Amino acid sequence: MSYRQSVTPDGLQGRMNSTMRSLNRAAVVVGAPLGGVLADTLGYRPALWIGITGRALAAVALGLSPFRCARHDDDAPLCGL
């Protein structure tokens, strides 16, 4: 969130915040029924493990991406360099 706020101009902060809230709520609207159908079809334990695996893969992808080393100002040293 702080990275988004640092790279977004002050005049667009409200729009950025409302867009992020809309995306988060849309994910809930899609994800909750999908999780329910998955749990009903496969059972709740496999559905939970699928969710855990998805979260772990997302964390690994973010950890390996350039986003981990993103800096707003050009003078900041790059990650690991």
PDB file of N, CA and C in Angstrom:
ATOM      1  N   MET A   1       0.821  -1.178   0.000  1.00  0.00           N
ATOM      2  CA  MET A   1       0.000   0.000   0.000  1.00  0.00           C
ATOM      3  C   MET A   1       0.874   1.253   0.000  1.00  0.00           C
ATOM      4  N   SER A   2       1.929   1.261   0.781  1.00  0.00           N
ATOM      5  CA  SER A   2       2.775   2.451   0.827  1.00  0.00           C
ATOM      6  C   SER A   2       3.470   2.687  -0.506  1.00  0.00           C
ATOM      7  N   TYR A   3       3.823   1.603  -1.210  1.00  0.00           N
ATOM      8  CA  TYR A   3       4.429   1.784  -2.530  1.00  0.00           C
ATOM      9  C   TYR A   3       3.433   2.411  -3.492  1.00  0.00           C
ATOM     10  N   ARG A   4       2.204   1.924  -3.481  1.00  0.00           N
ATOM     11  CA  ARG A   4       1.170   2.504  -4.354  1.00  0.00           C
ATOM     12  C   ARG A   4       0.987   3.982  -4.040  1.00  0.00           C
ATOM     13  N   GLN A   5       0.955   4.319  -2.766  1.00  0.00           N
ATOM     14  CA  GLN A   5       0.747   5.715  -2.384  1.00  0.00           C
ATOM     15  C   GLN A   5       1.934   6.583  -2.779  1.00  0.00           C
ATOM     16  N   SER A   6       3.128   6.029  -2.745  1.00  0.00           N
ATOM     17  CA  SER A   6       4.302   6.841  -3.076  1.00  0.00           C
ATOM     18  C   SER A   6       4.409   7.112  -4.575  1.00  0.00           C
ATOM     19  N   VAL A   7       3.925   6.227  -5.408  1.00  0.00           N
ATOM     20  CA  VAL A   7       4.041   6.426  -6.857  1.00  0.00           C
ATOM     21  C   VAL A   7       2.802   7.053  -7.476  1.00  0.00           C
ATOM     22  N   THR A   8       1.728   7.197  -6.704  1.00  0.00           N
ATOM     23  CA  THR A   8       0.496   7.791  -7.216  1.00  0.00           C
ATOM     24  C   THR A   8       0.476   9.280  -6.893  1.00  0.00           C
ATOM     25  N   PRO A   9       0.237  10.135  -7.883  1.00  0.00           N
ATOM     26  CA  PRO A   9       0.138  11.577  -7.610  1.00  0.00           C
ATOM     27  C   PRO A   9      -0.976  11.873  -6.605  1.00  0.00           C
ATOM     28  N   ASP A  10      -0.786  12.932  -5.839  1.00  0.00           N
ATOM     29  CA  ASP A  10      -1.750  13.280  -4.787  1.00  0.00           C
ATOM     30  C   ASP A  10      -3.170  13.419  -5.316  1.00  0.00           C
ATOM     31  N   GLY A  11      -3.328  13.986  -6.498  1.00  0.00           N
ATOM     32  CA  GLY A  11      -4.664  14.190  -7.061  1.00  0.00           C
ATOM     33  C   GLY A  11      -5.380  12.905  -7.445  1.00  0.00           C
ATOM     34  N   LEU A  12      -4.648  11.803  -7.527  1.00  0.00           N
ATOM     35  CA  LEU A  12      -5.245  10.531  -7.932  1.00  0.00           C
ATOM     36  C   LEU A  12      -5.321   9.519  -6.789  1.00  0.00           C
ATOM     37  N   GLN A  13      -4.979   9.922  -5.579  1.00  0.00           N
ATOM     38  CA  GLN A  13      -4.984   8.999  -4.443  1.00  0.00           C
ATOM     39  C   GLN A  13      -6.364   8.402  -4.205  1.00  0.00           C
ATOM     40  N   GLY A  14      -7.392   9.219  -4.264  1.00  0.00           N
ATOM     41  CA  GLY A  14      -8.750   8.727  -4.032  1.00  0.00           C
ATOM     42  C   GLY A  14      -9.190   7.722  -5.087  1.00  0.00           C
ATOM     43  N   ARG A  15      -8.884   8.014  -6.325  1.00  0.00           N
ATOM     44  CA  ARG A  15      -9.247   7.086  -7.405  1.00  0.00           C
ATOM     45  C   ARG A  15      -8.493   5.770  -7.274  1.00  0.00           C
ATOM     46  N   MET A  16      -7.209   5.859  -6.922  1.00  0.00           N
ATOM     47  CA  MET A  16      -6.423   4.643  -6.764  1.00  0.00           C
ATOM     48  C   MET A  16      -6.974   3.799  -5.616  1.00  0.00           C
ATOM     49  N   ASN A  17      -7.309   4.444  -4.511  1.00  0.00           N
ATOM     50  CA  ASN A  17      -7.846   3.730  -3.358  1.00  0.00           C
ATOM     51  C   ASN A  17      -9.190   3.086  -3.687  1.00  0.00           C
ATOM     52  N   SER A  18     -10.053   3.809  -4.377  1.00  0.00           N
ATOM     53  CA  SER A  18     -11.361   3.233  -4.710  1.00  0.00           C
ATOM     54  C   SER A  18     -11.225   2.095  -5.726  1.00  0.00           C
ATOM     55  N   THR A  19     -10.277   2.202  -6.634  1.00  0.00           N
ATOM     56  CA  THR A  19     -10.044   1.120  -7.594  1.00  0.00           C
ATOM     57  C   THR A  19      -9.551  -0.130  -6.881  1.00  0.00           C
ATOM     58  N   MET A  20      -8.618   0.028  -5.953  1.00  0.00           N
ATOM     59  CA  MET A  20      -8.097  -1.124  -5.218  1.00  0.00           C
ATOM     60  C   MET A  20      -9.194  -1.766  -4.365  1.00  0.00           C
ATOM     61  N   ARG A  21     -10.028  -0.957  -3.744  1.00  0.00           N
ATOM     62  CA  ARG A  21     -11.137  -1.514  -2.962  1.00  0.00           C
ATOM     63  C   ARG A  21     -12.107  -2.273  -3.854  1.00  0.00           C
ATOM     64  N   SER A  22     -12.381  -1.733  -5.032  1.00  0.00           N
ATOM     65  CA  SER A  22     -13.287  -2.413  -5.958  1.00  0.00           C
ATOM     66  C   SER A  22     -12.707  -3.743  -6.414  1.00  0.00           C
ATOM     67  N   LEU A  23     -11.411  -3.773  -6.713  1.00  0.00           N
ATOM     68  CA  LEU A  23     -10.771  -5.022  -7.123  1.00  0.00           C
ATOM     69  C   LEU A  23     -10.787  -6.055  -5.997  1.00  0.00           C
ATOM     70  N   ASN A  24     -10.537  -5.608  -4.769  1.00  0.00           N
ATOM     71  CA  ASN A  24     -10.569  -6.530  -3.632  1.00  0.00           C
ATOM     72  C   ASN A  24     -11.965  -7.105  -3.424  1.00  0.00           C
ATOM     73  N   ARG A  25     -12.959  -6.265  -3.531  1.00  0.00           N
ATOM     74  CA  ARG A  25     -14.320  -6.760  -3.332  1.00  0.00           C
ATOM     75  C   ARG A  25     -14.755  -7.658  -4.479  1.00  0.00           C
ATOM     76  N   ALA A  26     -14.294  -7.369  -5.685  1.00  0.00           N
ATOM     77  CA  ALA A  26     -14.603  -8.237  -6.822  1.00  0.00           C
ATOM     78  C   ALA A  26     -13.959  -9.605  -6.638  1.00  0.00           C
ATOM     79  N   ALA A  27     -12.764  -9.636  -6.067  1.00  0.00           N
ATOM     80  CA  ALA A  27     -12.108 -10.920  -5.804  1.00  0.00           C
ATOM     81  C   ALA A  27     -12.910 -11.744  -4.800  1.00  0.00           C
ATOM     82  N   VAL A  28     -13.496 -11.090  -3.813  1.00  0.00           N
ATOM     83  CA  VAL A  28     -14.327 -11.796  -2.833  1.00  0.00           C
ATOM     84  C   VAL A  28     -15.593 -12.320  -3.500  1.00  0.00           C
ATOM     85  N   VAL A  29     -16.197 -11.501  -4.350  1.00  0.00           N
ATOM     86  CA  VAL A  29     -17.433 -11.902  -5.024  1.00  0.00           C
ATOM     87  C   VAL A  29     -17.194 -13.115  -5.923  1.00  0.00           C
ATOM     88  N   VAL A  30     -16.041 -13.187  -6.557  1.00  0.00           N
ATOM     89  CA  VAL A  30     -15.724 -14.319  -7.424  1.00  0.00           C
ATOM     90  C   VAL A  30     -15.166 -15.483  -6.609  1.00  0.00           C
ATOM     91  N   GLY A  31     -14.279 -15.204  -5.669  1.00  0.00           N
ATOM     92  CA  GLY A  31     -13.573 -16.254  -4.937  1.00  0.00           C
ATOM     93  C   GLY A  31     -14.435 -17.026  -3.957  1.00  0.00           C
ATOM     94  N   ALA A  32     -15.354 -16.375  -3.284  1.00  0.00           N
ATOM     95  CA  ALA A  32     -16.172 -17.064  -2.285  1.00  0.00           C
ATOM     96  C   ALA A  32     -17.063 -18.139  -2.917  1.00  0.00           C
ATOM     97  N   PRO A  33     -17.821 -17.834  -3.961  1.00  0.00           N
ATOM     98  CA  PRO A  33     -18.604 -18.909  -4.586  1.00  0.00           C
ATOM     99  C   PRO A  33     -17.721 -19.996  -5.208  1.00  0.00           C
ATOM    100  N   LEU A  34     -16.604 -19.595  -5.797  1.00  0.00           N
ATOM    101  CA  LEU A  34     -15.698 -20.571  -6.382  1.00  0.00           C
ATOM    102  C   LEU A  34     -15.141 -21.511  -5.303  1.00  0.00           C
ATOM    103  N   GLY A  35     -14.761 -20.953  -4.162  1.00  0.00           N
ATOM    104  CA  GLY A  35     -14.303 -21.784  -3.052  1.00  0.00           C
ATOM    105  C   GLY A  35     -15.397 -22.690  -2.525  1.00  0.00           C
ATOM    106  N   GLY A  36     -16.619 -22.194  -2.486  1.00  0.00           N
ATOM    107  CA  GLY A  36     -17.738 -23.022  -2.040  1.00  0.00           C
ATOM    108  C   GLY A  36     -18.010 -24.185  -2.972  1.00  0.00           C
ATOM    109  N   VAL A  37     -17.970 -23.924  -4.264  1.00  0.00           N
ATOM    110  CA  VAL A  37     -18.176 -24.991  -5.239  1.00  0.00           C
ATOM    111  C   VAL A  37     -17.040 -26.003  -5.162  1.00  0.00           C
ATOM    112  N   LEU A  38     -15.830 -25.516  -5.008  1.00  0.00           N
ATOM    113  CA  LEU A  38     -14.668 -26.396  -4.888  1.00  0.00           C
ATOM    114  C   LEU A  38     -14.772 -27.267  -3.638  1.00  0.00           C
ATOM    115  N   ALA A  39     -15.155 -26.667  -2.509  1.00  0.00           N
ATOM    116  CA  ALA A  39     -15.301 -27.426  -1.273  1.00  0.00           C
ATOM    117  C   ALA A  39     -16.449 -28.429  -1.373  1.00  0.00           C
ATOM    118  N   ASP A  40     -17.508 -28.055  -2.047  1.00  0.00           N
ATOM    119  CA  ASP A  40     -18.646 -28.962  -2.205  1.00  0.00           C
ATOM    120  C   ASP A  40     -18.295 -30.135  -3.120  1.00  0.00           C
ATOM    121  N   THR A  41     -17.488 -29.863  -4.129  1.00  0.00           N
ATOM    122  CA  THR A  41     -17.116 -30.898  -5.092  1.00  0.00           C
ATOM    123  C   THR A  41     -16.024 -31.819  -4.557  1.00  0.00           C
ATOM    124  N   LEU A  42     -14.946 -31.239  -4.029  1.00  0.00           N
ATOM    125  CA  LEU A  42     -13.788 -32.022  -3.599  1.00  0.00           C
ATOM    126  C   LEU A  42     -13.753 -32.318  -2.103  1.00  0.00           C
ATOM    127  N   GLY A  43     -14.465 -31.537  -1.328  1.00  0.00           N
ATOM    128  CA  GLY A  43     -14.382 -31.627   0.119  1.00  0.00           C
ATOM    129  C   GLY A  43     -13.631 -30.406   0.649  1.00  0.00           C
ATOM    130  N   TYR A  44     -13.822 -30.112   1.939  1.00  0.00           N
ATOM    131  CA  TYR A  44     -13.239 -28.876   2.444  1.00  0.00           C
ATOM    132  C   TYR A  44     -11.732 -28.954   2.623  1.00  0.00           C
ATOM    133  N   ARG A  45     -11.197 -30.122   2.969  1.00  0.00           N
ATOM    134  CA  ARG A  45      -9.738 -30.213   3.145  1.00  0.00           C
ATOM    135  C   ARG A  45      -8.975 -29.987   1.843  1.00  0.00           C
ATOM    136  N   PRO A  46      -9.331 -30.678   0.761  1.00  0.00           N
ATOM    137  CA  PRO A  46      -8.618 -30.388  -0.498  1.00  0.00           C
ATOM    138  C   PRO A  46      -8.795 -28.931  -0.952  1.00  0.00           C
ATOM    139  N   ALA A  47      -9.984 -28.377  -0.725  1.00  0.00           N
ATOM    140  CA  ALA A  47     -10.218 -26.985  -1.111  1.00  0.00           C
ATOM    141  C   ALA A  47      -9.312 -26.048  -0.313  1.00  0.00           C
ATOM    142  N   LEU A  48      -9.150 -26.319   0.975  1.00  0.00           N
ATOM    143  CA  LEU A  48      -8.249 -25.502   1.791  1.00  0.00           C
ATOM    144  C   LEU A  48      -6.803 -25.654   1.338  1.00  0.00           C
ATOM    145  N   TRP A  49      -6.391 -26.864   1.004  1.00  0.00           N
ATOM    146  CA  TRP A  49      -5.026 -27.071   0.535  1.00  0.00           C
ATOM    147  C   TRP A  49      -4.787 -26.391  -0.808  1.00  0.00           C
ATOM    148  N   ILE A  50      -5.784 -26.370  -1.651  1.00  0.00           N
ATOM    149  CA  ILE A  50      -5.653 -25.648  -2.923  1.00  0.00           C
ATOM    150  C   ILE A  50      -5.480 -24.150  -2.648  1.00  0.00           C
ATOM    151  N   GLY A  51      -6.250 -23.619  -1.713  1.00  0.00           N
ATOM    152  CA  GLY A  51      -6.105 -22.209  -1.344  1.00  0.00           C
ATOM    153  C   GLY A  51      -4.746 -21.906  -0.729  1.00  0.00           C
ATOM    154  N   ILE A  52      -4.271 -22.778   0.143  1.00  0.00           N
ATOM    155  CA  ILE A  52      -2.964 -22.589   0.767  1.00  0.00           C
ATOM    156  C   ILE A  52      -1.860 -22.624  -0.290  1.00  0.00           C
ATOM    157  N   THR A  53      -1.968 -23.566  -1.212  1.00  0.00           N
ATOM    158  CA  THR A  53      -0.973 -23.674  -2.285  1.00  0.00           C
ATOM    159  C   THR A  53      -0.977 -22.419  -3.155  1.00  0.00           C
ATOM    160  N   GLY A  54      -2.159 -21.918  -3.460  1.00  0.00           N
ATOM    161  CA  GLY A  54      -2.255 -20.689  -4.255  1.00  0.00           C
ATOM    162  C   GLY A  54      -1.609 -19.507  -3.561  1.00  0.00           C
ATOM    163  N   ARG A  55      -1.849 -19.364  -2.254  1.00  0.00           N
ATOM    164  CA  ARG A  55      -1.232 -18.269  -1.496  1.00  0.00           C
ATOM    165  C   ARG A  55       0.283 -18.412  -1.453  1.00  0.00           C
ATOM    166  N   ALA A  56       0.764 -19.636  -1.255  1.00  0.00           N
ATOM    167  CA  ALA A  56       2.207 -19.865  -1.210  1.00  0.00           C
ATOM    168  C   ALA A  56       2.855 -19.557  -2.554  1.00  0.00           C
ATOM    169  N   LEU A  57       2.218 -19.972  -3.651  1.00  0.00           N
ATOM    170  CA  LEU A  57       2.761 -19.681  -4.976  1.00  0.00           C
ATOM    171  C   LEU A  57       2.781 -18.180  -5.257  1.00  0.00           C
ATOM    172  N   ALA A  58       1.760 -17.474  -4.814  1.00  0.00           N
ATOM    173  CA  ALA A  58       1.734 -16.019  -4.995  1.00  0.00           C
ATOM    174  C   ALA A  58       2.859 -15.355  -4.197  1.00  0.00           C
ATOM    175  N   ALA A  59       3.109 -15.838  -2.978  1.00  0.00           N
ATOM    176  CA  ALA A  59       4.190 -15.282  -2.165  1.00  0.00           C
ATOM    177  C   ALA A  59       5.553 -15.537  -2.809  1.00  0.00           C
ATOM    178  N   VAL A  60       5.742 -16.733  -3.338  1.00  0.00           N
ATOM    179  CA  VAL A  60       7.011 -17.052  -4.011  1.00  0.00           C
ATOM    180  C   VAL A  60       7.178 -16.191  -5.263  1.00  0.00           C
ATOM    181  N   ALA A  61       6.113 -16.040  -6.034  1.00  0.00           N
ATOM    182  CA  ALA A  61       6.183 -15.223  -7.247  1.00  0.00           C
ATOM    183  C   ALA A  61       6.535 -13.774  -6.916  1.00  0.00           C
ATOM    184  N   LEU A  62       5.929 -13.220  -5.868  1.00  0.00           N
ATOM    185  CA  LEU A  62       6.262 -11.852  -5.463  1.00  0.00           C
ATOM    186  C   LEU A  62       7.681 -11.760  -4.933  1.00  0.00           C
ATOM    187  N   GLY A  63       8.114 -12.772  -4.199  1.00  0.00           N
ATOM    188  CA  GLY A  63       9.470 -12.762  -3.657  1.00  0.00           C
ATOM    189  C   GLY A  63      10.535 -12.830  -4.729  1.00  0.00           C
ATOM    190  N   LEU A  64      10.245 -13.476  -5.833  1.00  0.00           N
ATOM    191  CA  LEU A  64      11.214 -13.609  -6.918  1.00  0.00           C
ATOM    192  C   LEU A  64      11.091 -12.513  -7.980  1.00  0.00           C
ATOM    193  N   SER A  65      10.051 -11.702  -7.893  1.00  0.00           N
ATOM    194  CA  SER A  65       9.822 -10.679  -8.906  1.00  0.00           C
ATOM    195  C   SER A  65      10.607  -9.406  -8.588  1.00  0.00           C
ATOM    196  N   PRO A  66      10.748  -8.528  -9.564  1.00  0.00           N
ATOM    197  CA  PRO A  66      11.413  -7.245  -9.327  1.00  0.00           C
ATOM    198  C   PRO A  66      10.641  -6.344  -8.365  1.00  0.00           C
ATOM    199  N   PHE A  67       9.392  -6.642  -8.111  1.00  0.00           N
ATOM    200  CA  PHE A  67       8.587  -5.826  -7.197  1.00  0.00           C
ATOM    201  C   PHE A  67       9.210  -5.770  -5.807  1.00  0.00           C
ATOM    202  N   ARG A  68       9.888  -6.831  -5.402  1.00  0.00           N
ATOM    203  CA  ARG A  68      10.493  -6.890  -4.071  1.00  0.00           C
ATOM    204  C   ARG A  68      11.530  -5.794  -3.892  1.00  0.00           C
ATOM    205  N   CYS A  69      12.174  -5.397  -4.965  1.00  0.00           N
ATOM    206  CA  CYS A  69      13.248  -4.400  -4.893  1.00  0.00           C
ATOM    207  C   CYS A  69      12.809  -3.039  -5.431  1.00  0.00           C
ATOM    208  N   ALA A  70      11.536  -2.828  -5.643  1.00  0.00           N
ATOM    209  CA  ALA A  70      11.052  -1.584  -6.242  1.00  0.00           C
ATOM    210  C   ALA A  70      11.326  -0.408  -5.315  1.00  0.00           C
ATOM    211  N   ARG A  71      11.785   0.675  -5.908  1.00  0.00           N
ATOM    212  CA  ARG A  71      12.047   1.912  -5.181  1.00  0.00           C
ATOM    213  C   ARG A  71      11.404   3.059  -5.948  1.00  0.00           C
ATOM    214  N   HIS A  72      10.938   4.053  -5.212  1.00  0.00           N
ATOM    215  CA  HIS A  72      10.301   5.191  -5.868  1.00  0.00           C
ATOM    216  C   HIS A  72      11.324   6.179  -6.390  1.00  0.00           C
ATOM    217  N   ASP A  73      12.298   6.563  -5.575  1.00  0.00           N
ATOM    218  CA  ASP A  73      13.266   7.555  -6.041  1.00  0.00           C
ATOM    219  C   ASP A  73      14.437   6.862  -6.737  1.00  0.00           C
ATOM    220  N   ASP A  74      14.989   7.511  -7.715  1.00  0.00           N
ATOM    221  CA  ASP A  74      16.020   6.920  -8.557  1.00  0.00           C
ATOM    222  C   ASP A  74      17.358   6.755  -7.837  1.00  0.00           C
ATOM    223  N   ASP A  75      17.575   7.467  -6.740  1.00  0.00           N
ATOM    224  CA  ASP A  75      18.854   7.401  -6.048  1.00  0.00           C
ATOM    225  C   ASP A  75      18.965   6.222  -5.095  1.00  0.00           C
ATOM    226  N   ALA A  76      17.869   5.562  -4.819  1.00  0.00           N
ATOM    227  CA  ALA A  76      17.907   4.419  -3.879  1.00  0.00           C
ATOM    228  C   ALA A  76      18.644   3.263  -4.520  1.00  0.00           C
ATOM    229  N   PRO A  77      19.466   2.557  -3.731  1.00  0.00           N
ATOM    230  CA  PRO A  77      20.189   1.416  -4.295  1.00  0.00           C
ATOM    231  C   PRO A  77      19.226   0.299  -4.656  1.00  0.00           C
ATOM    232  N   LEU A  78      19.560  -0.416  -5.713  1.00  0.00           N
ATOM    233  CA  LEU A  78      18.755  -1.553  -6.111  1.00  0.00           C
ATOM    234  C   LEU A  78      18.978  -2.696  -5.152  1.00  0.00           C
ATOM    235  N   CYS A  79      18.010  -3.537  -5.055  1.00  0.00           N
ATOM    236  CA  CYS A  79      18.071  -4.677  -4.146  1.00  0.00           C
ATOM    237  C   CYS A  79      19.214  -5.605  -4.532  1.00  0.00           C
ATOM    238  N   GLY A  80      20.120  -5.842  -3.614  1.00  0.00           N
ATOM    239  CA  GLY A  80      21.205  -6.775  -3.845  1.00  0.00           C
ATOM    240  C   GLY A  80      22.323  -6.249  -4.716  1.00  0.00           C
ATOM    241  N   LEU A  81      22.264  -5.001  -5.168  1.00  0.00           N
ATOM    242  CA  LEU A  81      23.333  -4.453  -6.017  1.00  0.00           C
ATOM    243  C   LEU A  81      24.063  -3.358  -5.306  1.00  0.00           C
TER     244      LEU A  81
END
